[in-house]
Amino acid sequence: MKIKKCEENLIIQKRNEIYFLVFLDILYIERFGNLTIIHTEEDEISIRFSLHRLIDFLPSYFIRSHKSYIVNIKKVKQMKVLAGDSTTYEAFFKYEKSALITKDKVSLLVR
């Protein structure tokens, strides 16, 4: 698998497929088991690539919000504290999608 940044796009080449993702179309990126899932408004693309390495290809409006998430801060619509956990927030996007944000990263969003 190859990943590269080209202007406003993330280009992912997997075996027989090549994805051209516009950065602004990416809502968030999630690590789930040994897969990394890139969530857009319309798709979910699974790759085998660490969040630690992937963040280097992304513009500054993406933050590592949690050990399992990278969030596009331009796409967050609302945040709520998780019930019973005052250290973690749930960030909501369009289409009923959500990601986690730790309390210390919330300050990056609400400057």
PDB file of N, CA and C in Angstrom:
ATOM      1  N   MET A   1       0.842  -1.172   0.000  1.00  0.00           N
ATOM      2  CA  MET A   1       0.000   0.000   0.000  1.00  0.00           C
ATOM      3  C   MET A   1       0.890   1.239   0.000  1.00  0.00           C
ATOM      4  N   LYS A   2       0.458   2.223  -0.775  1.00  0.00           N
ATOM      5  CA  LYS A   2       1.171   3.493  -0.838  1.00  0.00           C
ATOM      6  C   LYS A   2       0.198   4.613  -0.504  1.00  0.00           C
ATOM      7  N   ILE A   3       0.685   5.593   0.245  1.00  0.00           N
ATOM      8  CA  ILE A   3      -0.114   6.766   0.580  1.00  0.00           C
ATOM      9  C   ILE A   3       0.736   7.986   0.292  1.00  0.00           C
ATOM     10  N   LYS A   4       0.102   8.994  -0.325  1.00  0.00           N
ATOM     11  CA  LYS A   4       0.811  10.250  -0.538  1.00  0.00           C
ATOM     12  C   LYS A   4      -0.154  11.412  -0.528  1.00  0.00           C
ATOM     13  N   LYS A   5       0.407  12.572  -0.270  1.00  0.00           N
ATOM     14  CA  LYS A   5      -0.351  13.817  -0.245  1.00  0.00           C
ATOM     15  C   LYS A   5      -0.083  14.537  -1.553  1.00  0.00           C
ATOM     16  N   CYS A   6      -1.139  14.973  -2.214  1.00  0.00           N
ATOM     17  CA  CYS A   6      -0.996  15.700  -3.467  1.00  0.00           C
ATOM     18  C   CYS A   6      -1.964  16.873  -3.453  1.00  0.00           C
ATOM     19  N   GLU A   7      -1.444  18.059  -3.223  1.00  0.00           N
ATOM     20  CA  GLU A   7      -2.240  19.278  -3.095  1.00  0.00           C
ATOM     21  C   GLU A   7      -3.310  19.092  -2.027  1.00  0.00           C
ATOM     22  N   GLU A   8      -4.568  19.067  -2.391  1.00  0.00           N
ATOM     23  CA  GLU A   8      -5.655  18.955  -1.416  1.00  0.00           C
ATOM     24  C   GLU A   8      -6.227  17.543  -1.337  1.00  0.00           C
ATOM     25  N   ASN A   9      -5.442  16.567  -1.754  1.00  0.00           N
ATOM     26  CA  ASN A   9      -5.910  15.181  -1.793  1.00  0.00           C
ATOM     27  C   ASN A   9      -4.982  14.234  -1.058  1.00  0.00           C
ATOM     28  N   LEU A  10      -5.588  13.198  -0.524  1.00  0.00           N
ATOM     29  CA  LEU A  10      -4.855  12.060   0.005  1.00  0.00           C
ATOM     30  C   LEU A  10      -5.044  10.944  -1.009  1.00  0.00           C
ATOM     31  N   ILE A  11      -3.952  10.419  -1.512  1.00  0.00           N
ATOM     32  CA  ILE A  11      -4.023   9.368  -2.521  1.00  0.00           C
ATOM     33  C   ILE A  11      -3.590   8.063  -1.866  1.00  0.00           C
ATOM     34  N   ILE A  12      -4.473   7.081  -1.916  1.00  0.00           N
ATOM     35  CA  ILE A  12      -4.209   5.778  -1.314  1.00  0.00           C
ATOM     36  C   ILE A  12      -4.242   4.730  -2.414  1.00  0.00           C
ATOM     37  N   GLN A  13      -3.136   4.027  -2.566  1.00  0.00           N
ATOM     38  CA  GLN A  13      -3.069   2.967  -3.562  1.00  0.00           C
ATOM     39  C   GLN A  13      -3.032   1.628  -2.842  1.00  0.00           C
ATOM     40  N   LYS A  14      -4.106   0.864  -3.017  1.00  0.00           N
ATOM     41  CA  LYS A  14      -4.207  -0.484  -2.464  1.00  0.00           C
ATOM     42  C   LYS A  14      -4.229  -1.442  -3.637  1.00  0.00           C
ATOM     43  N   ARG A  15      -3.580  -2.528  -3.546  1.00  0.00           N
ATOM     44  CA  ARG A  15      -3.536  -3.560  -4.587  1.00  0.00           C
ATOM     45  C   ARG A  15      -4.163  -3.144  -5.906  1.00  0.00           C
ATOM     46  N   ASN A  16      -5.466  -3.350  -6.087  1.00  0.00           N
ATOM     47  CA  ASN A  16      -6.137  -3.083  -7.362  1.00  0.00           C
ATOM     48  C   ASN A  16      -6.941  -1.790  -7.364  1.00  0.00           C
ATOM     49  N   GLU A  17      -6.796  -0.981  -6.312  1.00  0.00           N
ATOM     50  CA  GLU A  17      -7.626   0.221  -6.191  1.00  0.00           C
ATOM     51  C   GLU A  17      -6.766   1.433  -5.867  1.00  0.00           C
ATOM     52  N   ILE A  18      -7.211   2.571  -6.364  1.00  0.00           N
ATOM     53  CA  ILE A  18      -6.589   3.845  -5.998  1.00  0.00           C
ATOM     54  C   ILE A  18      -7.715   4.789  -5.590  1.00  0.00           C
ATOM     55  N   TYR A  19      -7.589   5.345  -4.386  1.00  0.00           N
ATOM     56  CA  TYR A  19      -8.576   6.294  -3.866  1.00  0.00           C
ATOM     57  C   TYR A  19      -7.977   7.692  -3.891  1.00  0.00           C
ATOM     58  N   PHE A  20      -8.781   8.658  -4.333  1.00  0.00           N
ATOM     59  CA  PHE A  20      -8.412  10.065  -4.312  1.00  0.00           C
ATOM     60  C   PHE A  20      -9.383  10.748  -3.358  1.00  0.00           C
ATOM     61  N   LEU A  21      -8.922  11.027  -2.158  1.00  0.00           N
ATOM     62  CA  LEU A  21      -9.786  11.617  -1.137  1.00  0.00           C
ATOM     63  C   LEU A  21      -9.438  13.089  -0.944  1.00  0.00           C
ATOM     64  N   VAL A  22     -10.420  13.951  -1.104  1.00  0.00           N
ATOM     65  CA  VAL A  22     -10.235  15.366  -0.813  1.00  0.00           C
ATOM     66  C   VAL A  22     -10.190  15.505   0.702  1.00  0.00           C
ATOM     67  N   PHE A  23      -9.186  16.185   1.233  1.00  0.00           N
ATOM     68  CA  PHE A  23      -9.036  16.296   2.681  1.00  0.00           C
ATOM     69  C   PHE A  23     -10.304  16.806   3.362  1.00  0.00           C
ATOM     70  N   LEU A  24     -10.954  17.795   2.758  1.00  0.00           N
ATOM     71  CA  LEU A  24     -12.155  18.359   3.376  1.00  0.00           C
ATOM     72  C   LEU A  24     -13.337  17.395   3.380  1.00  0.00           C
ATOM     73  N   ASP A  25     -13.273  16.323   2.609  1.00  0.00           N
ATOM     74  CA  ASP A  25     -14.340  15.320   2.615  1.00  0.00           C
ATOM     75  C   ASP A  25     -14.170  14.292   3.738  1.00  0.00           C
ATOM     76  N   ILE A  26     -12.983  14.256   4.340  1.00  0.00           N
ATOM     77  CA  ILE A  26     -12.731  13.298   5.414  1.00  0.00           C
ATOM     78  C   ILE A  26     -13.284  13.855   6.721  1.00  0.00           C
ATOM     79  N   LEU A  27     -14.160  13.092   7.374  1.00  0.00           N
ATOM     80  CA  LEU A  27     -14.719  13.505   8.656  1.00  0.00           C
ATOM     81  C   LEU A  27     -13.767  13.155   9.791  1.00  0.00           C
ATOM     82  N   TYR A  28     -13.405  11.881   9.851  1.00  0.00           N
ATOM     83  CA  TYR A  28     -12.467  11.422  10.876  1.00  0.00           C
ATOM     84  C   TYR A  28     -11.857  10.099  10.440  1.00  0.00           C
ATOM     85  N   ILE A  29     -10.828   9.703  11.164  1.00  0.00           N
ATOM     86  CA  ILE A  29     -10.115   8.460  10.876  1.00  0.00           C
ATOM     87  C   ILE A  29     -10.052   7.682  12.182  1.00  0.00           C
ATOM     88  N   GLU A  30     -10.377   6.412  12.105  1.00  0.00           N
ATOM     89  CA  GLU A  30     -10.511   5.587  13.302  1.00  0.00           C
ATOM     90  C   GLU A  30      -9.618   4.352  13.205  1.00  0.00           C
ATOM     91  N   ARG A  31      -8.984   4.031  14.304  1.00  0.00           N
ATOM     92  CA  ARG A  31      -8.223   2.781  14.397  1.00  0.00           C
ATOM     93  C   ARG A  31      -9.132   1.759  15.056  1.00  0.00           C
ATOM     94  N   PHE A  32      -9.341   0.629  14.399  1.00  0.00           N
ATOM     95  CA  PHE A  32     -10.219  -0.421  14.913  1.00  0.00           C
ATOM     96  C   PHE A  32      -9.510  -1.755  14.717  1.00  0.00           C
ATOM     97  N   GLY A  33      -8.997  -2.313  15.805  1.00  0.00           N
ATOM     98  CA  GLY A  33      -8.205  -3.538  15.688  1.00  0.00           C
ATOM     99  C   GLY A  33      -6.942  -3.248  14.907  1.00  0.00           C
ATOM    100  N   ASN A  34      -6.683  -4.020  13.877  1.00  0.00           N
ATOM    101  CA  ASN A  34      -5.487  -3.772  13.062  1.00  0.00           C
ATOM    102  C   ASN A  34      -5.818  -3.008  11.774  1.00  0.00           C
ATOM    103  N   LEU A  35      -7.016  -2.444  11.703  1.00  0.00           N
ATOM    104  CA  LEU A  35      -7.421  -1.647  10.540  1.00  0.00           C
ATOM    105  C   LEU A  35      -7.528  -0.174  10.899  1.00  0.00           C
ATOM    106  N   THR A  36      -7.271   0.671   9.932  1.00  0.00           N
ATOM    107  CA  THR A  36      -7.541   2.096  10.039  1.00  0.00           C
ATOM    108  C   THR A  36      -8.671   2.380   9.068  1.00  0.00           C
ATOM    109  N   ILE A  37      -9.728   3.023   9.567  1.00  0.00           N
ATOM    110  CA  ILE A  37     -10.913   3.289   8.746  1.00  0.00           C
ATOM    111  C   ILE A  37     -11.040   4.792   8.545  1.00  0.00           C
ATOM    112  N   ILE A  38     -11.037   5.202   7.289  1.00  0.00           N
ATOM    113  CA  ILE A  38     -11.195   6.612   6.931  1.00  0.00           C
ATOM    114  C   ILE A  38     -12.676   6.835   6.643  1.00  0.00           C
ATOM    115  N   HIS A  39     -13.296   7.698   7.445  1.00  0.00           N
ATOM    116  CA  HIS A  39     -14.728   7.978   7.317  1.00  0.00           C
ATOM    117  C   HIS A  39     -14.935   9.282   6.548  1.00  0.00           C
ATOM    118  N   THR A  40     -15.663   9.199   5.453  1.00  0.00           N
ATOM    119  CA  THR A  40     -16.100  10.389   4.727  1.00  0.00           C
ATOM    120  C   THR A  40     -17.613  10.455   4.873  1.00  0.00           C
ATOM    121  N   GLU A  41     -18.237  11.459   4.295  1.00  0.00           N
ATOM    122  CA  GLU A  41     -19.687  11.565   4.390  1.00  0.00           C
ATOM    123  C   GLU A  41     -20.380  10.383   3.712  1.00  0.00           C
ATOM    124  N   GLU A  42     -19.747   9.828   2.702  1.00  0.00           N
ATOM    125  CA  GLU A  42     -20.393   8.784   1.913  1.00  0.00           C
ATOM    126  C   GLU A  42     -19.760   7.401   2.035  1.00  0.00           C
ATOM    127  N   ASP A  43     -18.494   7.326   2.421  1.00  0.00           N
ATOM    128  CA  ASP A  43     -17.776   6.055   2.389  1.00  0.00           C
ATOM    129  C   ASP A  43     -17.012   5.787   3.667  1.00  0.00           C
ATOM    130  N   GLU A  44     -16.592   4.537   3.795  1.00  0.00           N
ATOM    131  CA  GLU A  44     -15.633   4.112   4.811  1.00  0.00           C
ATOM    132  C   GLU A  44     -14.584   3.285   4.084  1.00  0.00           C
ATOM    133  N   ILE A  45     -13.342   3.733   4.161  1.00  0.00           N
ATOM    134  CA  ILE A  45     -12.260   3.067   3.456  1.00  0.00           C
ATOM    135  C   ILE A  45     -11.323   2.455   4.494  1.00  0.00           C
ATOM    136  N   SER A  46     -11.133   1.152   4.410  1.00  0.00           N
ATOM    137  CA  SER A  46     -10.275   0.440   5.359  1.00  0.00           C
ATOM    138  C   SER A  46      -8.890   0.250   4.769  1.00  0.00           C
ATOM    139  N   ILE A  47      -7.890   0.573   5.579  1.00  0.00           N
ATOM    140  CA  ILE A  47      -6.499   0.395   5.170  1.00  0.00           C
ATOM    141  C   ILE A  47      -5.710  -0.186   6.338  1.00  0.00           C
ATOM    142  N   ARG A  48      -4.539  -0.679   6.046  1.00  0.00           N
ATOM    143  CA  ARG A  48      -3.625  -1.159   7.093  1.00  0.00           C
ATOM    144  C   ARG A  48      -2.460  -0.168   7.159  1.00  0.00           C
ATOM    145  N   PHE A  49      -2.648   0.852   7.991  1.00  0.00           N
ATOM    146  CA  PHE A  49      -1.677   1.933   8.112  1.00  0.00           C
ATOM    147  C   PHE A  49      -1.900   2.562   9.476  1.00  0.00           C
ATOM    148  N   SER A  50      -0.868   2.837  10.226  1.00  0.00           N
ATOM    149  CA  SER A  50      -1.041   3.350  11.586  1.00  0.00           C
ATOM    150  C   SER A  50      -1.473   4.821  11.584  1.00  0.00           C
ATOM    151  N   LEU A  51      -2.200   5.204  12.622  1.00  0.00           N
ATOM    152  CA  LEU A  51      -2.593   6.608  12.784  1.00  0.00           C
ATOM    153  C   LEU A  51      -1.349   7.472  12.963  1.00  0.00           C
ATOM    154  N   HIS A  52      -0.379   6.936  13.664  1.00  0.00           N
ATOM    155  CA  HIS A  52       0.862   7.665  13.924  1.00  0.00           C
ATOM    156  C   HIS A  52       1.550   8.080  12.617  1.00  0.00           C
ATOM    157  N   ARG A  53       1.567   7.211  11.653  1.00  0.00           N
ATOM    158  CA  ARG A  53       2.177   7.520  10.353  1.00  0.00           C
ATOM    159  C   ARG A  53       1.244   8.342   9.468  1.00  0.00           C
ATOM    160  N   LEU A  54      -0.050   8.090   9.551  1.00  0.00           N
ATOM    161  CA  LEU A  54      -1.020   8.763   8.685  1.00  0.00           C
ATOM    162  C   LEU A  54      -1.142  10.250   8.986  1.00  0.00           C
ATOM    163  N   ILE A  55      -1.022  10.631  10.247  1.00  0.00           N
ATOM    164  CA  ILE A  55      -1.188  12.042  10.618  1.00  0.00           C
ATOM    165  C   ILE A  55      -0.177  12.936   9.892  1.00  0.00           C
ATOM    166  N   ASP A  56       0.967  12.392   9.521  1.00  0.00           N
ATOM    167  CA  ASP A  56       1.987  13.177   8.803  1.00  0.00           C
ATOM    168  C   ASP A  56       1.559  13.579   7.397  1.00  0.00           C
ATOM    169  N   PHE A  57       0.568  12.908   6.834  1.00  0.00           N
ATOM    170  CA  PHE A  57       0.088  13.210   5.487  1.00  0.00           C
ATOM    171  C   PHE A  57      -1.072  14.207   5.490  1.00  0.00           C
ATOM    172  N   LEU A  58      -1.566  14.567   6.658  1.00  0.00           N
ATOM    173  CA  LEU A  58      -2.787  15.360   6.772  1.00  0.00           C
ATOM    174  C   LEU A  58      -2.499  16.825   7.080  1.00  0.00           C
ATOM    175  N   PRO A  59      -3.385  17.733   6.636  1.00  0.00           N
ATOM    176  CA  PRO A  59      -3.230  19.159   6.942  1.00  0.00           C
ATOM    177  C   PRO A  59      -3.408  19.433   8.445  1.00  0.00           C
ATOM    178  N   SER A  60      -3.086  20.641   8.847  1.00  0.00           N
ATOM    179  CA  SER A  60      -3.092  21.009  10.266  1.00  0.00           C
ATOM    180  C   SER A  60      -4.471  21.021  10.911  1.00  0.00           C
ATOM    181  N   TYR A  61      -5.544  21.015  10.125  1.00  0.00           N
ATOM    182  CA  TYR A  61      -6.874  20.989  10.733  1.00  0.00           C
ATOM    183  C   TYR A  61      -7.322  19.574  11.111  1.00  0.00           C
ATOM    184  N   PHE A  62      -6.438  18.611  11.000  1.00  0.00           N
ATOM    185  CA  PHE A  62      -6.665  17.272  11.536  1.00  0.00           C
ATOM    186  C   PHE A  62      -5.858  17.153  12.822  1.00  0.00           C
ATOM    187  N   ILE A  63      -6.508  16.670  13.892  1.00  0.00           N
ATOM    188  CA  ILE A  63      -5.799  16.484  15.151  1.00  0.00           C
ATOM    189  C   ILE A  63      -5.946  15.042  15.623  1.00  0.00           C
ATOM    190  N   ARG A  64      -4.938  14.581  16.306  1.00  0.00           N
ATOM    191  CA  ARG A  64      -5.007  13.258  16.952  1.00  0.00           C
ATOM    192  C   ARG A  64      -5.800  13.488  18.235  1.00  0.00           C
ATOM    193  N   SER A  65      -7.075  13.194  18.211  1.00  0.00           N
ATOM    194  CA  SER A  65      -7.988  13.541  19.291  1.00  0.00           C
ATOM    195  C   SER A  65      -8.045  12.505  20.402  1.00  0.00           C
ATOM    196  N   HIS A  66      -7.568  11.320  20.113  1.00  0.00           N
ATOM    197  CA  HIS A  66      -7.704  10.181  21.025  1.00  0.00           C
ATOM    198  C   HIS A  66      -6.736   9.127  20.509  1.00  0.00           C
ATOM    199  N   LYS A  67      -6.400   8.140  21.323  1.00  0.00           N
ATOM    200  CA  LYS A  67      -5.452   7.119  20.852  1.00  0.00           C
ATOM    201  C   LYS A  67      -5.965   6.369  19.628  1.00  0.00           C
ATOM    202  N   SER A  68      -7.295   6.367  19.423  1.00  0.00           N
ATOM    203  CA  SER A  68      -7.881   5.632  18.300  1.00  0.00           C
ATOM    204  C   SER A  68      -8.496   6.516  17.224  1.00  0.00           C
ATOM    205  N   TYR A  69      -8.332   7.846  17.327  1.00  0.00           N
ATOM    206  CA  TYR A  69      -9.002   8.738  16.372  1.00  0.00           C
ATOM    207  C   TYR A  69      -8.136   9.907  15.939  1.00  0.00           C
ATOM    208  N   ILE A  70      -8.324  10.284  14.679  1.00  0.00           N
ATOM    209  CA  ILE A  70      -7.864  11.553  14.126  1.00  0.00           C
ATOM    210  C   ILE A  70      -9.124  12.243  13.623  1.00  0.00           C
ATOM    211  N   VAL A  71      -9.303  13.503  13.988  1.00  0.00           N
ATOM    212  CA  VAL A  71     -10.545  14.225  13.677  1.00  0.00           C
ATOM    213  C   VAL A  71     -10.247  15.440  12.804  1.00  0.00           C
ATOM    214  N   ASN A  72     -11.106  15.664  11.805  1.00  0.00           N
ATOM    215  CA  ASN A  72     -11.071  16.875  11.001  1.00  0.00           C
ATOM    216  C   ASN A  72     -11.856  17.923  11.781  1.00  0.00           C
ATOM    217  N   ILE A  73     -11.163  18.885  12.400  1.00  0.00           N
ATOM    218  CA  ILE A  73     -11.843  19.838  13.276  1.00  0.00           C
ATOM    219  C   ILE A  73     -12.784  20.777  12.513  1.00  0.00           C
ATOM    220  N   LYS A  74     -12.623  20.879  11.203  1.00  0.00           N
ATOM    221  CA  LYS A  74     -13.531  21.703  10.400  1.00  0.00           C
ATOM    222  C   LYS A  74     -14.893  21.038  10.217  1.00  0.00           C
ATOM    223  N   LYS A  75     -14.993  19.747  10.527  1.00  0.00           N
ATOM    224  CA  LYS A  75     -16.232  19.006  10.290  1.00  0.00           C
ATOM    225  C   LYS A  75     -17.017  18.694  11.565  1.00  0.00           C
ATOM    226  N   VAL A  76     -16.472  19.026  12.733  1.00  0.00           N
ATOM    227  CA  VAL A  76     -17.172  18.750  13.988  1.00  0.00           C
ATOM    228  C   VAL A  76     -18.379  19.679  14.105  1.00  0.00           C
ATOM    229  N   LYS A  77     -19.547  19.095  14.360  1.00  0.00           N
ATOM    230  CA  LYS A  77     -20.787  19.868  14.480  1.00  0.00           C
ATOM    231  C   LYS A  77     -21.167  20.115  15.937  1.00  0.00           C
ATOM    232  N   GLN A  78     -20.839  19.164  16.813  1.00  0.00           N
ATOM    233  CA  GLN A  78     -21.244  19.249  18.213  1.00  0.00           C
ATOM    234  C   GLN A  78     -20.381  18.288  19.020  1.00  0.00           C
ATOM    235  N   MET A  79     -20.208  18.608  20.320  1.00  0.00           N
ATOM    236  CA  MET A  79     -19.499  17.691  21.222  1.00  0.00           C
ATOM    237  C   MET A  79     -20.292  17.580  22.514  1.00  0.00           C
ATOM    238  N   LYS A  80     -20.259  16.386  23.099  1.00  0.00           N
ATOM    239  CA  LYS A  80     -20.904  16.139  24.385  1.00  0.00           C
ATOM    240  C   LYS A  80     -19.986  15.278  25.234  1.00  0.00           C
ATOM    241  N   VAL A  81     -20.014  15.534  26.543  1.00  0.00           N
ATOM    242  CA  VAL A  81     -19.264  14.687  27.466  1.00  0.00           C
ATOM    243  C   VAL A  81     -19.922  13.317  27.477  1.00  0.00           C
ATOM    244  N   LEU A  82     -19.102  12.269  27.423  1.00  0.00           N
ATOM    245  CA  LEU A  82     -19.642  10.911  27.500  1.00  0.00           C
ATOM    246  C   LEU A  82     -20.236  10.680  28.887  1.00  0.00           C
ATOM    247  N   ALA A  83     -21.355  10.037  28.941  1.00  0.00           N
ATOM    248  CA  ALA A  83     -22.018   9.752  30.213  1.00  0.00           C
ATOM    249  C   ALA A  83     -21.080   8.964  31.121  1.00  0.00           C
ATOM    250  N   GLY A  84     -20.887   9.455  32.338  1.00  0.00           N
ATOM    251  CA  GLY A  84     -20.063   8.750  33.306  1.00  0.00           C
ATOM    252  C   GLY A  84     -18.567   8.867  33.095  1.00  0.00           C
ATOM    253  N   ASP A  85     -18.129   9.686  32.123  1.00  0.00           N
ATOM    254  CA  ASP A  85     -16.698   9.829  31.853  1.00  0.00           C
ATOM    255  C   ASP A  85     -16.392  11.288  31.562  1.00  0.00           C
ATOM    256  N   SER A  86     -15.941  12.009  32.564  1.00  0.00           N
ATOM    257  CA  SER A  86     -15.706  13.450  32.390  1.00  0.00           C
ATOM    258  C   SER A  86     -14.404  13.759  31.665  1.00  0.00           C
ATOM    259  N   THR A  87     -13.651  12.730  31.250  1.00  0.00           N
ATOM    260  CA  THR A  87     -12.382  12.972  30.559  1.00  0.00           C
ATOM    261  C   THR A  87     -12.477  12.773  29.052  1.00  0.00           C
ATOM    262  N   THR A  88     -13.635  12.333  28.563  1.00  0.00           N
ATOM    263  CA  THR A  88     -13.783  12.054  27.139  1.00  0.00           C
ATOM    264  C   THR A  88     -15.064  12.684  26.598  1.00  0.00           C
ATOM    265  N   TYR A  89     -14.940  13.285  25.428  1.00  0.00           N
ATOM    266  CA  TYR A  89     -16.082  13.863  24.728  1.00  0.00           C
ATOM    267  C   TYR A  89     -16.376  13.019  23.493  1.00  0.00           C
ATOM    268  N   GLU A  90     -17.617  13.109  23.044  1.00  0.00           N
ATOM    269  CA  GLU A  90     -17.992  12.506  21.778  1.00  0.00           C
ATOM    270  C   GLU A  90     -18.236  13.647  20.800  1.00  0.00           C
ATOM    271  N   ALA A  91     -17.525  13.636  19.685  1.00  0.00           N
ATOM    272  CA  ALA A  91     -17.685  14.649  18.646  1.00  0.00           C
ATOM    273  C   ALA A  91     -18.639  14.098  17.596  1.00  0.00           C
ATOM    274  N   PHE A  92     -19.587  14.928  17.191  1.00  0.00           N
ATOM    275  CA  PHE A  92     -20.592  14.508  16.211  1.00  0.00           C
ATOM    276  C   PHE A  92     -20.373  15.215  14.882  1.00  0.00           C
ATOM    277  N   PHE A  93     -20.613  14.466  13.812  1.00  0.00           N
ATOM    278  CA  PHE A  93     -20.491  14.954  12.456  1.00  0.00           C
ATOM    279  C   PHE A  93     -21.834  14.757  11.751  1.00  0.00           C
ATOM    280  N   LYS A  94     -21.902  15.105  10.493  1.00  0.00           N
ATOM    281  CA  LYS A  94     -23.100  14.818   9.695  1.00  0.00           C
ATOM    282  C   LYS A  94     -23.320  13.313   9.607  1.00  0.00           C
ATOM    283  N   TYR A  95     -24.522  12.943   9.271  1.00  0.00           N
ATOM    284  CA  TYR A  95     -24.880  11.552   8.989  1.00  0.00           C
ATOM    285  C   TYR A  95     -24.705  10.636  10.192  1.00  0.00           C
ATOM    286  N   GLU A  96     -24.950  11.164  11.384  1.00  0.00           N
ATOM    287  CA  GLU A  96     -24.938  10.387  12.617  1.00  0.00           C
ATOM    288  C   GLU A  96     -23.614   9.677  12.884  1.00  0.00           C
ATOM    289  N   LYS A  97     -22.534  10.237  12.418  1.00  0.00           N
ATOM    290  CA  LYS A  97     -21.213   9.676  12.678  1.00  0.00           C
ATOM    291  C   LYS A  97     -20.601  10.405  13.870  1.00  0.00           C
ATOM    292  N   SER A  98     -19.767   9.683  14.632  1.00  0.00           N
ATOM    293  CA  SER A  98     -19.141  10.312  15.793  1.00  0.00           C
ATOM    294  C   SER A  98     -17.769   9.705  16.065  1.00  0.00           C
ATOM    295  N   ALA A  99     -16.948  10.474  16.806  1.00  0.00           N
ATOM    296  CA  ALA A  99     -15.597  10.059  17.184  1.00  0.00           C
ATOM    297  C   ALA A  99     -15.331  10.547  18.599  1.00  0.00           C
ATOM    298  N   LEU A 100     -14.292  10.021  19.215  1.00  0.00           N
ATOM    299  CA  LEU A 100     -13.952  10.412  20.582  1.00  0.00           C
ATOM    300  C   LEU A 100     -12.854  11.465  20.598  1.00  0.00           C
ATOM    301  N   ILE A 101     -12.956  12.349  21.594  1.00  0.00           N
ATOM    302  CA  ILE A 101     -11.953  13.386  21.810  1.00  0.00           C
ATOM    303  C   ILE A 101     -11.667  13.435  23.307  1.00  0.00           C
ATOM    304  N   THR A 102     -10.398  13.347  23.665  1.00  0.00           N
ATOM    305  CA  THR A 102     -10.052  13.443  25.081  1.00  0.00           C
ATOM    306  C   THR A 102     -10.147  14.895  25.531  1.00  0.00           C
ATOM    307  N   LYS A 103     -10.391  15.085  26.820  1.00  0.00           N
ATOM    308  CA  LYS A 103     -10.620  16.408  27.382  1.00  0.00           C
ATOM    309  C   LYS A 103      -9.459  17.362  27.083  1.00  0.00           C
ATOM    310  N   ASP A 104      -8.225  16.875  27.142  1.00  0.00           N
ATOM    311  CA  ASP A 104      -7.076  17.759  26.885  1.00  0.00           C
ATOM    312  C   ASP A 104      -7.010  18.222  25.435  1.00  0.00           C
ATOM    313  N   LYS A 105      -7.633  17.506  24.502  1.00  0.00           N
ATOM    314  CA  LYS A 105      -7.636  17.913  23.088  1.00  0.00           C
ATOM    315  C   LYS A 105      -8.784  18.868  22.773  1.00  0.00           C
ATOM    316  N   VAL A 106      -9.775  18.946  23.639  1.00  0.00           N
ATOM    317  CA  VAL A 106     -10.914  19.839  23.416  1.00  0.00           C
ATOM    318  C   VAL A 106     -10.431  21.282  23.347  1.00  0.00           C
ATOM    319  N   SER A 107      -9.427  21.630  24.118  1.00  0.00           N
ATOM    320  CA  SER A 107      -8.912  23.008  24.115  1.00  0.00           C
ATOM    321  C   SER A 107      -8.386  23.401  22.730  1.00  0.00           C
ATOM    322  N   LEU A 108      -7.937  22.449  21.936  1.00  0.00           N
ATOM    323  CA  LEU A 108      -7.486  22.752  20.572  1.00  0.00           C
ATOM    324  C   LEU A 108      -8.650  23.153  19.674  1.00  0.00           C
ATOM    325  N   LEU A 109      -9.851  22.696  20.016  1.00  0.00           N
ATOM    326  CA  LEU A 109     -11.025  22.995  19.205  1.00  0.00           C
ATOM    327  C   LEU A 109     -11.705  24.298  19.616  1.00  0.00           C
ATOM    328  N   VAL A 110     -11.645  24.624  20.880  1.00  0.00           N
ATOM    329  CA  VAL A 110     -12.385  25.788  21.387  1.00  0.00           C
ATOM    330  C   VAL A 110     -11.431  26.869  21.879  1.00  0.00           C
ATOM    331  N   ARG A 111     -10.569  27.301  21.003  1.00  0.00           N
ATOM    332  CA  ARG A 111      -9.605  28.367  21.336  1.00  0.00           C
ATOM    333  C   ARG A 111     -10.272  29.706  21.302  1.00  0.00           C
TER     334      ARG A 111
END
